[in-house]
C-alpha atoms as a PDB file:
ATOM      1  CA  MET A   1       0.000   0.000   0.000  1.00  0.00           C
ATOM      2  CA  THR A   2       1.373   3.415  -0.877  1.00  0.00           C
ATOM      3  CA  ALA A   3       2.077   6.108   1.700  1.00  0.00           C
ATOM      4  CA  ARG A   4      -0.588   8.307   0.084  1.00  0.00           C
ATOM      5  CA  ALA A   5      -3.261   5.618   0.427  1.00  0.00           C
ATOM      6  CA  GLU A   6      -2.316   4.989   4.058  1.00  0.00           C
ATOM      7  CA  LYS A   7      -2.485   8.698   4.814  1.00  0.00           C
ATOM      8  CA  GLY A   8      -5.928   8.875   3.208  1.00  0.00           C
ATOM      9  CA  ARG A   9      -7.189   6.007   5.330  1.00  0.00           C
ATOM     10  CA  ARG A  10      -5.834   7.513   8.549  1.00  0.00           C
ATOM     11  CA  GLY A  11      -7.432  10.821   7.633  1.00  0.00           C
ATOM     12  CA  TYR A  12     -10.746   9.087   7.016  1.00  0.00           C
ATOM     13  CA  LYS A  13     -10.682   7.371  10.415  1.00  0.00           C
ATOM     14  CA  GLY A  14      -9.977  10.689  12.094  1.00  0.00           C
ATOM     15  CA  SER A  15     -12.742  12.342  10.107  1.00  0.00           C
ATOM     16  CA  ALA A  16     -15.212   9.656  11.078  1.00  0.00           C
ATOM     17  CA  LEU A  17     -14.283  10.136  14.731  1.00  0.00           C
ATOM     18  CA  VAL A  18     -14.710  13.924  14.560  1.00  0.00           C
ATOM     19  CA  TRP A  19     -18.023  13.810  12.705  1.00  0.00           C
ATOM     20  CA  GLY A  20     -19.293  10.935  14.859  1.00  0.00           C
ATOM     21  CA  GLY A  21     -18.370  12.851  18.007  1.00  0.00           C
ATOM     22  CA  ALA A  22     -20.261  15.878  16.703  1.00  0.00           C
ATOM     23  CA  ALA A  23     -23.337  13.734  16.003  1.00  0.00           C
ATOM     24  CA  ALA A  24     -23.133  12.227  19.497  1.00  0.00           C
ATOM     25  CA  LEU A  25     -22.794  15.691  21.026  1.00  0.00           C
ATOM     26  CA  LEU A  26     -25.878  16.847  19.124  1.00  0.00           C
ATOM     27  CA  ALA A  27     -27.792  13.767  20.297  1.00  0.00           C
ATOM     28  CA  LEU A  28     -27.012  14.340  23.993  1.00  0.00           C
ATOM     29  CA  PRO A  29     -29.720  16.963  24.609  1.00  0.00           C
ATOM     30  CA  LEU A  30     -32.252  14.784  22.795  1.00  0.00           C
ATOM     31  CA  VAL A  31     -31.449  11.882  25.109  1.00  0.00           C
ATOM     32  CA  ALA A  32     -31.409  14.151  28.169  1.00  0.00           C
ATOM     33  CA  MET A  33     -34.859  15.508  27.267  1.00  0.00           C
ATOM     34  CA  ARG A  34     -36.215  11.965  27.644  1.00  0.00           C
ATOM     35  CA  PHE A  35     -35.102  11.849  31.285  1.00  0.00           C
ATOM     36  CA  THR A  36     -35.404  15.389  32.642  1.00  0.00           C
ATOM     37  CA  ARG A  37     -37.478  18.508  32.103  1.00  0.00           C
ATOM     38  CA  GLU A  38     -34.453  20.709  32.811  1.00  0.00           C
ATOM     39  CA  VAL A  39     -33.222  20.179  29.255  1.00  0.00           C
ATOM     40  CA  ALA A  40     -35.767  21.664  26.866  1.00  0.00           C
ATOM     41  CA  TRP A  41     -34.303  22.259  23.431  1.00  0.00           C
ATOM     42  CA  THR A  42     -36.444  23.455  20.556  1.00  0.00           C
ATOM     43  CA  ALA A  43     -36.029  22.563  16.898  1.00  0.00           C
ATOM     44  CA  SER A  44     -34.198  25.861  16.382  1.00  0.00           C
ATOM     45  CA  ASP A  45     -31.772  25.003  19.215  1.00  0.00           C
ATOM     46  CA  PHE A  46     -30.911  21.760  17.437  1.00  0.00           C
ATOM     47  CA  ALA A  47     -30.611  23.557  14.096  1.00  0.00           C
ATOM     48  CA  VAL A  48     -28.230  26.193  15.484  1.00  0.00           C
ATOM     49  CA  MET A  49     -26.090  23.630  17.303  1.00  0.00           C
ATOM     50  CA  GLY A  50     -26.081  21.415  14.226  1.00  0.00           C
ATOM     51  CA  ALA A  51     -24.923  24.323  12.061  1.00  0.00           C
ATOM     52  CA  MET A  52     -22.215  25.216  14.584  1.00  0.00           C
ATOM     53  CA  LEU A  53     -20.982  21.627  14.761  1.00  0.00           C
ATOM     54  CA  PHE A  54     -21.034  21.350  10.961  1.00  0.00           C
ATOM     55  CA  ALA A  55     -18.970  24.542  10.660  1.00  0.00           C
ATOM     56  CA  ALA A  56     -16.479  23.392  13.313  1.00  0.00           C
ATOM     57  CA  CYS A  57     -16.061  19.926  11.781  1.00  0.00           C
ATOM     58  CA  GLY A  58     -15.784  21.415   8.299  1.00  0.00           C
ATOM     59  CA  ALA A  59     -13.099  23.816   9.514  1.00  0.00           C
ATOM     60  CA  TRP A  60     -11.258  20.880  11.056  1.00  0.00           C
ATOM     61  CA  GLU A  61     -11.435  18.965   7.757  1.00  0.00           C
ATOM     62  CA  LEU A  62      -9.942  21.955   5.925  1.00  0.00           C
ATOM     63  CA  ALA A  63      -7.215  22.390   8.557  1.00  0.00           C
ATOM     64  CA  THR A  64      -6.153  18.746   8.368  1.00  0.00           C
ATOM     65  CA  ARG A  65      -5.885  19.042   4.601  1.00  0.00           C
ATOM     66  CA  ALA A  66      -3.985  22.351   4.798  1.00  0.00           C
ATOM     67  CA  SER A  67      -0.988  20.917   6.627  1.00  0.00           C
ATOM     68  CA  GLY A  68       0.411  17.632   7.810  1.00  0.00           C
ATOM     69  CA  SER A  69       2.173  19.400  10.675  1.00  0.00           C
ATOM     70  CA  LEU A  70       1.009  18.194  14.065  1.00  0.00           C
ATOM     71  CA  ALA A  71       1.627  21.669  15.525  1.00  0.00           C
ATOM     72  CA  TYR A  72      -0.516  23.260  12.795  1.00  0.00           C
ATOM     73  CA  ARG A  73      -3.329  20.773  13.331  1.00  0.00           C
ATOM     74  CA  ALA A  74      -3.209  21.184  17.118  1.00  0.00           C
ATOM     75  CA  GLY A  75      -3.235  24.974  16.756  1.00  0.00           C
ATOM     76  CA  ALA A  76      -6.174  24.766  14.374  1.00  0.00           C
ATOM     77  CA  GLY A  77      -8.044  22.404  16.680  1.00  0.00           C
ATOM     78  CA  ILE A  78      -7.555  24.673  19.680  1.00  0.00           C
ATOM     79  CA  ALA A  79      -8.592  27.763  17.705  1.00  0.00           C
ATOM     80  CA  ILE A  80     -11.698  26.003  16.344  1.00  0.00           C
ATOM     81  CA  VAL A  81     -12.755  24.745  19.785  1.00  0.00           C
ATOM     82  CA  THR A  82     -12.126  28.174  21.330  1.00  0.00           C
ATOM     83  CA  ALA A  83     -14.236  29.907  18.675  1.00  0.00           C
ATOM     84  CA  PHE A  84     -16.957  27.247  19.032  1.00  0.00           C
ATOM     85  CA  LEU A  85     -17.099  27.579  22.817  1.00  0.00           C
ATOM     86  CA  THR A  86     -17.095  31.381  22.623  1.00  0.00           C
ATOM     87  CA  ILE A  87     -20.132  31.352  20.336  1.00  0.00           C
ATOM     88  CA  TRP A  88     -21.910  28.595  22.246  1.00  0.00           C
ATOM     89  CA  ILE A  89     -21.477  30.218  25.668  1.00  0.00           C
ATOM     90  CA  ASN A  90     -22.627  33.569  24.344  1.00  0.00           C
ATOM     91  CA  LEU A  91     -25.714  32.099  22.700  1.00  0.00           C
ATOM     92  CA  ALA A  92     -26.612  29.954  25.702  1.00  0.00           C
ATOM     93  CA  ALA A  93     -25.952  32.263  28.635  1.00  0.00           C
ATOM     94  CA  GLY A  94     -23.532  35.030  27.713  1.00  0.00           C
ATOM     95  CA  MET A  95     -20.009  35.465  29.045  1.00  0.00           C
ATOM     96  CA  ILE A  96     -20.797  38.862  30.545  1.00  0.00           C
ATOM     97  CA  GLY A  97     -24.167  38.843  32.270  1.00  0.00           C
ATOM     98  CA  SER A  98     -26.973  37.335  30.184  1.00  0.00           C
ATOM     99  CA  GLU A  99     -26.882  36.466  26.508  1.00  0.00           C
ATOM    100  CA  ASP A 100     -28.612  39.810  25.803  1.00  0.00           C
ATOM    101  CA  ASN A 101     -25.823  41.906  27.339  1.00  0.00           C
ATOM    102  CA  PRO A 102     -24.289  44.165  24.652  1.00  0.00           C
ATOM    103  CA  TYR A 103     -20.764  43.432  25.985  1.00  0.00           C
ATOM    104  CA  ASN A 104     -21.127  39.930  24.537  1.00  0.00           C
ATOM    105  CA  LEU A 105     -21.120  41.280  20.986  1.00  0.00           C
ATOM    106  CA  ALA A 106     -17.399  41.937  21.416  1.00  0.00           C
ATOM    107  CA  PHE A 107     -16.786  38.197  21.633  1.00  0.00           C
ATOM    108  CA  ALA A 108     -18.473  37.621  18.261  1.00  0.00           C
ATOM    109  CA  GLY A 109     -16.092  40.256  16.947  1.00  0.00           C
ATOM    110  CA  ILE A 110     -13.129  38.282  18.271  1.00  0.00           C
ATOM    111  CA  VAL A 111     -14.243  35.160  16.413  1.00  0.00           C
ATOM    112  CA  LEU A 112     -14.705  37.261  13.264  1.00  0.00           C
ATOM    113  CA  LEU A 113     -11.228  38.748  13.804  1.00  0.00           C
ATOM    114  CA  ALA A 114      -9.761  35.232  13.970  1.00  0.00           C
ATOM    115  CA  LEU A 115     -11.591  34.156  10.806  1.00  0.00           C
ATOM    116  CA  ALA A 116     -10.798  37.306   8.833  1.00  0.00           C
ATOM    117  CA  GLY A 117      -7.178  37.326   9.973  1.00  0.00           C
ATOM    118  CA  GLY A 118      -6.824  33.690   8.982  1.00  0.00           C
ATOM    119  CA  ALA A 119      -8.262  34.410   5.554  1.00  0.00           C
ATOM    120  CA  VAL A 120      -5.971  37.421   5.043  1.00  0.00           C
ATOM    121  CA  ALA A 121      -3.015  35.248   6.095  1.00  0.00           C
ATOM    122  CA  ARG A 122      -4.258  32.605   3.648  1.00  0.00           C
ATOM    123  CA  PHE A 123      -4.244  30.213   6.590  1.00  0.00           C
ATOM    124  CA  ARG A 124      -0.466  30.035   6.585  1.00  0.00           C
ATOM    125  CA  PRO A 125       1.029  29.255   9.991  1.00  0.00           C
ATOM    126  CA  GLY A 126       3.016  32.489  10.422  1.00  0.00           C
ATOM    127  CA  GLY A 127       0.003  34.664   9.717  1.00  0.00           C
ATOM    128  CA  LEU A 128      -2.222  32.463  11.850  1.00  0.00           C
ATOM    129  CA  ALA A 129       0.207  32.846  14.768  1.00  0.00           C
ATOM    130  CA  ALA A 130      -0.118  36.642  14.561  1.00  0.00           C
ATOM    131  CA  THR A 131      -3.894  36.406  14.156  1.00  0.00           C
ATOM    132  CA  MET A 132      -4.329  34.164  17.199  1.00  0.00           C
ATOM    133  CA  ALA A 133      -2.134  36.486  19.273  1.00  0.00           C
ATOM    134  CA  ALA A 134      -4.322  39.405  18.160  1.00  0.00           C
ATOM    135  CA  ALA A 135      -7.425  37.416  19.145  1.00  0.00           C
ATOM    136  CA  ALA A 136      -5.910  36.863  22.610  1.00  0.00           C
ATOM    137  CA  VAL A 137      -5.256  40.593  23.030  1.00  0.00           C
ATOM    138  CA  ALA A 138      -8.788  41.388  21.852  1.00  0.00           C
ATOM    139  CA  GLN A 139     -10.160  38.779  24.268  1.00  0.00           C
ATOM    140  CA  VAL A 140      -8.400  40.405  27.227  1.00  0.00           C
ATOM    141  CA  ALA A 141      -9.555  43.864  26.118  1.00  0.00           C
ATOM    142  CA  ALA A 142     -13.172  42.708  25.823  1.00  0.00           C
ATOM    143  CA  ALA A 143     -12.945  41.017  29.212  1.00  0.00           C
ATOM    144  CA  ALA A 144     -11.551  44.200  30.779  1.00  0.00           C
ATOM    145  CA  LEU A 145     -14.462  46.186  29.385  1.00  0.00           C
ATOM    146  CA  GLY A 146     -16.937  43.686  30.796  1.00  0.00           C
ATOM    147  CA  LEU A 147     -15.365  43.388  34.250  1.00  0.00           C
ATOM    148  CA  SER A 148     -17.361  46.321  35.563  1.00  0.00           C
ATOM    149  CA  ALA A 149     -20.613  44.684  34.477  1.00  0.00           C
ATOM    150  CA  ASP A 150     -19.884  41.158  35.719  1.00  0.00           C
ATOM    151  CA  LEU A 151     -16.717  40.180  37.616  1.00  0.00           C
ATOM    152  CA  SER A 152     -17.040  36.396  37.187  1.00  0.00           C
ATOM    153  CA  GLY A 153     -17.986  36.734  33.505  1.00  0.00           C
ATOM    154  CA  GLY A 154     -15.067  39.087  32.933  1.00  0.00           C
ATOM    155  CA  LEU A 155     -12.671  36.609  34.492  1.00  0.00           C
ATOM    156  CA  LEU A 156     -14.141  33.726  32.477  1.00  0.00           C
ATOM    157  CA  SER A 157     -13.801  35.651  29.254  1.00  0.00           C
ATOM    158  CA  ALA A 158     -10.234  36.705  30.130  1.00  0.00           C
ATOM    159  CA  ALA A 159      -9.374  33.025  30.589  1.00  0.00           C
ATOM    160  CA  PHE A 160     -10.341  32.463  26.947  1.00  0.00           C
ATOM    161  CA  ALA A 161      -7.213  34.396  25.964  1.00  0.00           C
ATOM    162  CA  LEU A 162      -5.135  31.388  27.047  1.00  0.00           C
ATOM    163  CA  PRO A 163      -6.268  28.969  24.318  1.00  0.00           C
ATOM    164  CA  TRP A 164      -5.876  31.743  21.709  1.00  0.00           C
ATOM    165  CA  LEU A 165      -2.279  32.181  22.938  1.00  0.00           C
ATOM    166  CA  LEU A 166      -1.683  28.425  22.882  1.00  0.00           C
ATOM    167  CA  ALA A 167      -2.955  28.270  19.298  1.00  0.00           C
ATOM    168  CA  ALA A 168      -0.631  31.180  18.416  1.00  0.00           C
ATOM    169  CA  ALA A 169       2.358  29.334  19.909  1.00  0.00           C
ATOM    170  CA  LEU A 170       1.504  26.140  18.016  1.00  0.00           C
ATOM    171  CA  PHE A 171       1.115  28.013  14.722  1.00  0.00           C
ATOM    172  CA  ARG A 172       4.447  29.742  15.382  1.00  0.00           C
ATOM    173  CA  LYS A 173       6.029  26.318  15.907  1.00  0.00           C
ATOM    174  CA  ALA A 174       4.444  25.084  12.674  1.00  0.00           C
ATOM    175  CA  ALA A 175       5.832  28.107  10.826  1.00  0.00           C
ATOM    176  CA  ARG A 176       9.362  27.225  11.987  1.00  0.00           C
ATOM    177  CA  GLU A 177       9.062  23.579  10.891  1.00  0.00           C
END
């Protein structure tokens, strides 16, 4: 078997695991709704989560095809999960106060910054390293603005700068490889 065919098979197994995990994650609330009234998702909740999971898994597929570097893939995975969690938390409860708090719009801007910066950098590791570092700085700035409104939410959102920084370090390592 050729190295290319083996690589394709390994990639497929990883893809199946990622997509299967996303399907299982989407099924969890459906199962929970059978056992408790505290989980009450609507069809639109499932549609939004499904779209978010599809986007995250699709981004992961593109990242794994963009580079064979483990550092690049790890950086991409961390950035994708960080963006996913930022959006999910803000839609579900909001990082600062409730989901209706205007401070939370800043966090959508950070995810857009990461996406736009990645596109401008053509998803090359050096440019992605700078973009993720900029996302971390923006995350801390947004958290500082929100601290006056909600101390615990401000601290939570400031903590989200750490995975952005980790992704930046991994992309920097990938750029040196």
